[in-house]
Amino acid sequence: MPPHITHFKICAKPGHRQDVIDLFDRWLRDRRPGLGGFVRVVLCSSINNPDEFMAYAMFADKKTYDANSNAPEQQAWYEQLRTHLLDDPEWFDGTLEIQRMG
């Protein structure tokens, strides 16, 4: 199965930018070690609006992505993240077709 990637756009409430960054850092520290199939996460802030972020998370396949998405710990993390956002994330789930490095 090809890797599964979820892209998402989020916007922090005014004054909550660092909270969003800290939650992603906490996710990597606390959730990542127990996740088989997790590949990477990338979080970028906008040059024009530092409260706006684009991110993606990559998993080995959709099965491991779904296992993470359906975990109660993931839901609790998401609910905490959502308190720092203006709106719900804008999601794009996809299958990796081409990747080139370097």
C-alpha atoms as a PDB file:
ATOM      1  CA  MET A   1       0.000   0.000   0.000  1.00  0.00           C
ATOM      2  CA  PRO A   2       1.281   3.508  -0.758  1.00  0.00           C
ATOM      3  CA  PRO A   3       1.854   6.062   1.991  1.00  0.00           C
ATOM      4  CA  HIS A   4      -1.116   8.110   3.148  1.00  0.00           C
ATOM      5  CA  ILE A   5      -0.758  11.864   3.643  1.00  0.00           C
ATOM      6  CA  THR A   6      -3.161  14.279   5.240  1.00  0.00           C
ATOM      7  CA  HIS A   7      -2.618  17.981   4.551  1.00  0.00           C
ATOM      8  CA  PHE A   8      -4.367  20.591   6.597  1.00  0.00           C
ATOM      9  CA  LYS A   9      -4.632  24.344   6.909  1.00  0.00           C
ATOM     10  CA  ILE A  10      -5.283  25.875  10.319  1.00  0.00           C
ATOM     11  CA  CYS A  11      -5.392  29.369  11.761  1.00  0.00           C
ATOM     12  CA  ALA A  12      -4.587  30.063  15.403  1.00  0.00           C
ATOM     13  CA  LYS A  13      -6.666  32.458  17.435  1.00  0.00           C
ATOM     14  CA  PRO A  14      -4.841  35.730  18.158  1.00  0.00           C
ATOM     15  CA  GLY A  15      -2.299  35.061  20.890  1.00  0.00           C
ATOM     16  CA  HIS A  16      -2.491  31.253  20.487  1.00  0.00           C
ATOM     17  CA  ARG A  17       0.222  30.743  17.861  1.00  0.00           C
ATOM     18  CA  GLN A  18       2.765  29.290  20.281  1.00  0.00           C
ATOM     19  CA  ASP A  19       0.107  27.027  21.833  1.00  0.00           C
ATOM     20  CA  VAL A  20      -0.423  25.426  18.412  1.00  0.00           C
ATOM     21  CA  ILE A  21       3.323  24.898  17.926  1.00  0.00           C
ATOM     22  CA  ASP A  22       3.658  23.490  21.446  1.00  0.00           C
ATOM     23  CA  LEU A  23       0.826  21.016  20.870  1.00  0.00           C
ATOM     24  CA  PHE A  24       2.491  19.674  17.737  1.00  0.00           C
ATOM     25  CA  ASP A  25       5.745  19.358  19.667  1.00  0.00           C
ATOM     26  CA  ARG A  26       3.920  17.519  22.459  1.00  0.00           C
ATOM     27  CA  TRP A  27       2.284  15.203  19.905  1.00  0.00           C
ATOM     28  CA  LEU A  28       5.722  14.304  18.547  1.00  0.00           C
ATOM     29  CA  ARG A  29       7.077  13.722  22.036  1.00  0.00           C
ATOM     30  CA  ASP A  30       4.118  11.841  23.518  1.00  0.00           C
ATOM     31  CA  ARG A  31       2.184  10.142  20.682  1.00  0.00           C
ATOM     32  CA  ARG A  32       4.831   9.441  18.061  1.00  0.00           C
ATOM     33  CA  PRO A  33       6.851   6.805  19.960  1.00  0.00           C
ATOM     34  CA  GLY A  34       3.834   4.485  20.179  1.00  0.00           C
ATOM     35  CA  LEU A  35       2.680   4.875  16.587  1.00  0.00           C
ATOM     36  CA  GLY A  36       3.708   2.167  14.203  1.00  0.00           C
ATOM     37  CA  GLY A  37       3.572   3.407  10.646  1.00  0.00           C
ATOM     38  CA  PHE A  38       4.081   7.098  11.392  1.00  0.00           C
ATOM     39  CA  VAL A  39       6.574   8.641   8.940  1.00  0.00           C
ATOM     40  CA  ARG A  40       6.693  12.419   9.450  1.00  0.00           C
ATOM     41  CA  VAL A  41       4.874  15.613  10.211  1.00  0.00           C
ATOM     42  CA  VAL A  42       5.681  19.066   8.853  1.00  0.00           C
ATOM     43  CA  LEU A  43       4.223  22.293  10.285  1.00  0.00           C
ATOM     44  CA  CYS A  44       4.826  25.594   8.461  1.00  0.00           C
ATOM     45  CA  SER A  45       3.621  29.079   9.321  1.00  0.00           C
ATOM     46  CA  SER A  46       2.725  31.667   6.707  1.00  0.00           C
ATOM     47  CA  ILE A  47       5.140  34.511   6.038  1.00  0.00           C
ATOM     48  CA  ASN A  48       2.191  36.872   5.507  1.00  0.00           C
ATOM     49  CA  ASN A  49       0.206  35.714   8.555  1.00  0.00           C
ATOM     50  CA  PRO A  50       2.220  33.875  11.232  1.00  0.00           C
ATOM     51  CA  ASP A  51      -1.028  32.660  12.869  1.00  0.00           C
ATOM     52  CA  GLU A  52      -1.841  30.664   9.727  1.00  0.00           C
ATOM     53  CA  PHE A  53      -0.309  27.194   9.331  1.00  0.00           C
ATOM     54  CA  MET A  54      -0.140  24.514   6.680  1.00  0.00           C
ATOM     55  CA  ALA A  55       0.871  21.046   7.767  1.00  0.00           C
ATOM     56  CA  TYR A  56       1.013  17.482   6.625  1.00  0.00           C
ATOM     57  CA  ALA A  57       1.330  14.169   8.359  1.00  0.00           C
ATOM     58  CA  MET A  58       2.506  11.055   6.536  1.00  0.00           C
ATOM     59  CA  PHE A  59       1.787   7.481   7.543  1.00  0.00           C
ATOM     60  CA  ALA A  60       2.957   4.230   5.984  1.00  0.00           C
ATOM     61  CA  ASP A  61      -0.556   3.568   4.676  1.00  0.00           C
ATOM     62  CA  LYS A  62      -4.198   4.471   5.213  1.00  0.00           C
ATOM     63  CA  LYS A  63      -4.657   1.655   7.732  1.00  0.00           C
ATOM     64  CA  THR A  64      -2.080   3.141  10.136  1.00  0.00           C
ATOM     65  CA  TYR A  65      -3.444   6.647   9.534  1.00  0.00           C
ATOM     66  CA  ASP A  66      -6.962   5.464  10.401  1.00  0.00           C
ATOM     67  CA  ALA A  67      -5.696   3.674  13.527  1.00  0.00           C
ATOM     68  CA  ASN A  68      -4.165   6.946  14.718  1.00  0.00           C
ATOM     69  CA  SER A  69      -7.214   9.006  13.766  1.00  0.00           C
ATOM     70  CA  ASN A  70      -9.545   6.683  15.662  1.00  0.00           C
ATOM     71  CA  ALA A  71      -7.437   6.500  18.838  1.00  0.00           C
ATOM     72  CA  PRO A  72      -8.990   8.194  21.892  1.00  0.00           C
ATOM     73  CA  GLU A  73      -5.632   9.875  22.630  1.00  0.00           C
ATOM     74  CA  GLN A  74      -5.661  11.446  19.163  1.00  0.00           C
ATOM     75  CA  GLN A  75      -9.201  12.717  19.657  1.00  0.00           C
ATOM     76  CA  ALA A  76      -8.221  14.282  22.996  1.00  0.00           C
ATOM     77  CA  TRP A  77      -5.182  15.944  21.369  1.00  0.00           C
ATOM     78  CA  TYR A  78      -7.329  17.262  18.505  1.00  0.00           C
ATOM     79  CA  GLU A  79      -9.938  18.669  20.878  1.00  0.00           C
ATOM     80  CA  GLN A  80      -7.202  20.527  22.721  1.00  0.00           C
ATOM     81  CA  LEU A  81      -5.768  21.837  19.437  1.00  0.00           C
ATOM     82  CA  ARG A  82      -9.221  22.964  18.307  1.00  0.00           C
ATOM     83  CA  THR A  83      -9.538  25.277  21.343  1.00  0.00           C
ATOM     84  CA  HIS A  84      -6.633  27.303  19.915  1.00  0.00           C
ATOM     85  CA  LEU A  85      -8.027  27.589  16.368  1.00  0.00           C
ATOM     86  CA  LEU A  86     -10.393  30.112  14.793  1.00  0.00           C
ATOM     87  CA  ASP A  87     -12.162  27.447  12.713  1.00  0.00           C
ATOM     88  CA  ASP A  88     -12.068  23.746  11.971  1.00  0.00           C
ATOM     89  CA  PRO A  89      -9.052  22.654   9.925  1.00  0.00           C
ATOM     90  CA  GLU A  90      -9.336  22.512   6.165  1.00  0.00           C
ATOM     91  CA  TRP A  91      -8.381  18.897   5.328  1.00  0.00           C
ATOM     92  CA  PHE A  92      -7.015  17.173   2.246  1.00  0.00           C
ATOM     93  CA  ASP A  93      -6.361  13.442   2.517  1.00  0.00           C
ATOM     94  CA  GLY A  94      -4.396  11.766  -0.215  1.00  0.00           C
ATOM     95  CA  THR A  95      -2.224   8.959  -1.435  1.00  0.00           C
ATOM     96  CA  LEU A  96       1.434   9.659  -2.168  1.00  0.00           C
ATOM     97  CA  GLU A  97       2.001   9.361  -5.915  1.00  0.00           C
ATOM     98  CA  ILE A  98       5.482  10.875  -6.388  1.00  0.00           C
ATOM     99  CA  GLN A  99       8.170  11.969  -3.936  1.00  0.00           C
ATOM    100  CA  ARG A 100      11.656  13.186  -4.753  1.00  0.00           C
ATOM    101  CA  MET A 101      14.260  14.276  -2.242  1.00  0.00           C
ATOM    102  CA  GLY A 102      17.424  16.265  -2.862  1.00  0.00           C
END
